[in-house]
Amino acid sequence: MADNTRRPFYVIPDDPEQSVYRFIIVAAKRARQLQSNQRPLLPGATKKPTVMAMEEVRRGLIQYWDPAAQQQQKDSEQL
């Protein structure tokens, strides 16, 4: 019997679709920023940029926008 109420652990909090794929993309881009010597938004003991990026995204500290979603919204408003 499958438990359909299980959700992935790492999701973007403000993402109504709870997209793990979107979480991975946003966290990967943030990790690249951290590797390029941008300052982390969280004080932490970890020095790994991927772990720090995932935590920042999970806590909702990273803002992002989805151009495809914005285009869909504009199209629906024009109808």
N, C-alpha and C. Protein backbone atom coordinates (compact mmCIF):
# COMPACT_ATOMS: atom_id res chain seq x y z
N MET A 1 0.84 -1.16 0.00
CA MET A 1 0.00 0.00 0.00
C MET A 1 0.89 1.23 0.00
N ALA A 2 0.70 2.10 -0.96
CA ALA A 2 1.53 3.29 -1.11
C ALA A 2 0.97 4.43 -0.26
N ASP A 3 1.88 5.17 0.34
CA ASP A 3 1.50 6.32 1.14
C ASP A 3 1.56 7.55 0.26
N ASN A 4 0.41 8.06 -0.20
CA ASN A 4 0.36 9.19 -1.11
C ASN A 4 0.53 10.53 -0.40
N THR A 5 0.58 10.55 0.92
CA THR A 5 0.72 11.80 1.66
C THR A 5 2.18 12.19 1.85
N ARG A 6 3.09 11.34 1.46
CA ARG A 6 4.51 11.65 1.63
C ARG A 6 4.92 12.74 0.65
N ARG A 7 5.68 13.69 1.15
CA ARG A 7 6.18 14.77 0.32
C ARG A 7 7.70 14.75 0.36
N PRO A 8 8.33 15.26 -0.69
CA PRO A 8 9.79 15.32 -0.66
C PRO A 8 10.27 16.23 0.47
N PHE A 9 11.41 15.91 1.03
CA PHE A 9 11.95 16.68 2.14
C PHE A 9 12.39 18.07 1.69
N TYR A 10 13.05 18.14 0.54
CA TYR A 10 13.54 19.42 0.05
C TYR A 10 12.60 19.98 -1.00
N VAL A 11 11.84 20.96 -0.63
CA VAL A 11 10.96 21.66 -1.57
C VAL A 11 11.07 23.15 -1.28
N ILE A 12 10.70 23.96 -2.24
CA ILE A 12 10.70 25.40 -2.04
C ILE A 12 9.42 25.75 -1.31
N PRO A 13 9.50 26.42 -0.17
CA PRO A 13 8.31 26.68 0.65
C PRO A 13 7.20 27.43 -0.06
N ASP A 14 7.51 28.41 -0.90
CA ASP A 14 6.47 29.20 -1.57
C ASP A 14 6.06 28.61 -2.91
N ASP A 15 6.46 27.42 -3.20
CA ASP A 15 6.16 26.79 -4.47
C ASP A 15 4.87 25.98 -4.34
N PRO A 16 3.76 26.46 -4.93
CA PRO A 16 2.49 25.74 -4.76
C PRO A 16 2.51 24.34 -5.38
N GLU A 17 3.39 24.12 -6.34
CA GLU A 17 3.47 22.80 -6.97
C GLU A 17 4.39 21.86 -6.20
N GLN A 18 5.12 22.38 -5.21
CA GLN A 18 6.08 21.59 -4.44
C GLN A 18 7.05 20.85 -5.38
N SER A 19 7.61 21.58 -6.30
CA SER A 19 8.46 21.01 -7.33
C SER A 19 9.88 20.76 -6.83
N VAL A 20 10.25 19.50 -6.76
CA VAL A 20 11.61 19.14 -6.37
C VAL A 20 12.58 19.55 -7.47
N TYR A 21 12.15 19.45 -8.72
CA TYR A 21 13.00 19.85 -9.83
C TYR A 21 13.35 21.34 -9.72
N ARG A 22 12.36 22.17 -9.42
CA ARG A 22 12.61 23.61 -9.28
C ARG A 22 13.55 23.86 -8.11
N PHE A 23 13.37 23.13 -7.02
CA PHE A 23 14.27 23.26 -5.87
C PHE A 23 15.71 22.99 -6.28
N ILE A 24 15.92 21.94 -7.05
CA ILE A 24 17.27 21.56 -7.47
C ILE A 24 17.89 22.65 -8.34
N ILE A 25 17.12 23.19 -9.28
CA ILE A 25 17.64 24.23 -10.17
C ILE A 25 18.02 25.48 -9.39
N VAL A 26 17.12 25.92 -8.50
CA VAL A 26 17.38 27.13 -7.71
C VAL A 26 18.58 26.92 -6.79
N ALA A 27 18.64 25.76 -6.13
CA ALA A 27 19.76 25.48 -5.22
C ALA A 27 21.09 25.37 -5.98
N ALA A 28 21.06 24.80 -7.17
CA ALA A 28 22.29 24.68 -7.96
C ALA A 28 22.81 26.06 -8.38
N LYS A 29 21.90 26.93 -8.78
CA LYS A 29 22.33 28.28 -9.16
C LYS A 29 22.88 29.03 -7.95
N ARG A 30 22.25 28.85 -6.80
CA ARG A 30 22.75 29.50 -5.58
C ARG A 30 24.11 28.92 -5.18
N ALA A 31 24.29 27.62 -5.34
CA ALA A 31 25.58 27.00 -5.00
C ALA A 31 26.70 27.57 -5.88
N ARG A 32 26.38 27.81 -7.16
CA ARG A 32 27.38 28.42 -8.05
C ARG A 32 27.74 29.83 -7.58
N GLN A 33 26.73 30.56 -7.10
CA GLN A 33 27.01 31.90 -6.57
C GLN A 33 27.92 31.82 -5.35
N LEU A 34 27.65 30.86 -4.47
CA LEU A 34 28.48 30.70 -3.27
C LEU A 34 29.90 30.29 -3.64
N GLN A 35 30.04 29.46 -4.67
CA GLN A 35 31.37 29.06 -5.11
C GLN A 35 32.14 30.22 -5.72
N SER A 36 31.40 31.23 -6.19
CA SER A 36 32.03 32.42 -6.76
C SER A 36 32.26 33.48 -5.69
N ASN A 37 32.34 33.05 -4.45
CA ASN A 37 32.66 33.88 -3.29
C ASN A 37 31.57 34.87 -2.89
N GLN A 38 30.32 34.59 -3.21
CA GLN A 38 29.24 35.40 -2.65
C GLN A 38 29.04 34.97 -1.20
N ARG A 39 28.63 35.91 -0.38
CA ARG A 39 28.46 35.60 1.04
C ARG A 39 27.20 34.77 1.27
N PRO A 40 27.29 33.78 2.15
CA PRO A 40 26.11 33.00 2.49
C PRO A 40 25.13 33.84 3.32
N LEU A 41 23.86 33.52 3.21
CA LEU A 41 22.82 34.23 3.96
C LEU A 41 22.63 33.66 5.36
N LEU A 42 23.18 32.50 5.60
CA LEU A 42 23.08 31.85 6.91
C LEU A 42 24.47 31.66 7.51
N PRO A 43 24.61 31.99 8.78
CA PRO A 43 25.87 31.62 9.43
C PRO A 43 25.82 30.12 9.67
N GLY A 44 26.91 29.46 9.41
CA GLY A 44 26.87 28.01 9.58
C GLY A 44 28.24 27.41 9.71
N ALA A 45 28.25 26.20 10.16
CA ALA A 45 29.51 25.49 10.35
C ALA A 45 29.96 24.82 9.06
N THR A 46 29.02 24.61 8.14
CA THR A 46 29.39 23.91 6.92
C THR A 46 30.06 24.86 5.93
N LYS A 47 31.04 24.33 5.25
CA LYS A 47 31.73 25.10 4.22
C LYS A 47 31.34 24.64 2.83
N LYS A 48 30.47 23.63 2.76
CA LYS A 48 30.07 23.09 1.47
C LYS A 48 29.01 23.98 0.85
N PRO A 49 29.28 24.53 -0.34
CA PRO A 49 28.32 25.45 -0.96
C PRO A 49 27.00 24.78 -1.32
N THR A 50 27.03 23.50 -1.69
CA THR A 50 25.78 22.84 -2.05
C THR A 50 24.86 22.67 -0.85
N VAL A 51 25.42 22.30 0.28
CA VAL A 51 24.62 22.13 1.50
C VAL A 51 24.08 23.47 1.96
N MET A 52 24.90 24.50 1.93
CA MET A 52 24.48 25.83 2.33
C MET A 52 23.38 26.35 1.40
N ALA A 53 23.55 26.14 0.10
CA ALA A 53 22.56 26.60 -0.87
C ALA A 53 21.22 25.90 -0.66
N MET A 54 21.22 24.60 -0.44
CA MET A 54 19.97 23.87 -0.22
C MET A 54 19.27 24.38 1.03
N GLU A 55 20.01 24.67 2.07
CA GLU A 55 19.40 25.16 3.30
C GLU A 55 18.82 26.56 3.11
N GLU A 56 19.53 27.41 2.39
CA GLU A 56 19.02 28.76 2.13
C GLU A 56 17.72 28.71 1.33
N VAL A 57 17.69 27.85 0.32
CA VAL A 57 16.48 27.72 -0.50
C VAL A 57 15.35 27.12 0.32
N ARG A 58 15.64 26.09 1.09
CA ARG A 58 14.61 25.44 1.89
C ARG A 58 13.96 26.40 2.88
N ARG A 59 14.76 27.31 3.42
CA ARG A 59 14.24 28.29 4.40
C ARG A 59 13.55 29.47 3.73
N GLY A 60 13.58 29.52 2.42
CA GLY A 60 12.91 30.60 1.71
C GLY A 60 13.69 31.90 1.65
N LEU A 61 15.00 31.83 1.82
CA LEU A 61 15.84 33.03 1.80
C LEU A 61 16.23 33.46 0.39
N ILE A 62 16.05 32.58 -0.58
CA ILE A 62 16.44 32.86 -1.95
C ILE A 62 15.19 33.19 -2.75
N GLN A 63 15.19 34.35 -3.38
CA GLN A 63 14.07 34.74 -4.23
C GLN A 63 14.37 34.29 -5.65
N TYR A 64 13.34 33.84 -6.33
CA TYR A 64 13.48 33.42 -7.71
C TYR A 64 12.19 33.77 -8.45
N TRP A 65 12.25 33.75 -9.76
CA TRP A 65 11.05 33.95 -10.56
C TRP A 65 11.09 32.98 -11.71
N ASP A 66 9.92 32.59 -12.13
CA ASP A 66 9.77 31.61 -13.19
C ASP A 66 9.18 32.31 -14.41
N PRO A 67 9.98 32.56 -15.46
CA PRO A 67 9.48 33.29 -16.61
C PRO A 67 8.33 32.56 -17.32
N ALA A 68 8.33 31.24 -17.32
CA ALA A 68 7.25 30.49 -17.97
C ALA A 68 5.93 30.69 -17.22
N ALA A 69 5.97 30.72 -15.91
CA ALA A 69 4.76 30.93 -15.11
C ALA A 69 4.24 32.35 -15.31
N GLN A 70 5.14 33.31 -15.40
CA GLN A 70 4.71 34.69 -15.63
C GLN A 70 4.05 34.84 -17.00
N GLN A 71 4.59 34.16 -18.00
CA GLN A 71 4.01 34.23 -19.34
C GLN A 71 2.61 33.60 -19.34
N GLN A 72 2.44 32.48 -18.65
CA GLN A 72 1.13 31.84 -18.56
C GLN A 72 0.13 32.77 -17.89
N GLN A 73 0.57 33.45 -16.85
CA GLN A 73 -0.31 34.36 -16.13
C GLN A 73 -0.73 35.52 -17.03
N LYS A 74 0.20 36.07 -17.79
CA LYS A 74 -0.11 37.16 -18.71
C LYS A 74 -1.10 36.70 -19.78
N ASP A 75 -0.88 35.49 -20.30
CA ASP A 75 -1.77 34.96 -21.32
C ASP A 75 -3.18 34.76 -20.80
N SER A 76 -3.30 34.27 -19.57
CA SER A 76 -4.64 34.05 -19.00
C SER A 76 -5.34 35.35 -18.67
N GLU A 77 -4.58 36.41 -18.33
CA GLU A 77 -5.19 37.71 -18.06
C GLU A 77 -5.70 38.37 -19.33
N GLN A 78 -5.09 38.07 -20.46
CA GLN A 78 -5.50 38.68 -21.73
C GLN A 78 -6.77 38.06 -22.27
N LEU A 79 -7.13 36.89 -21.81
CA LEU A 79 -8.35 36.23 -22.31
C LEU A 79 -9.58 36.83 -21.77
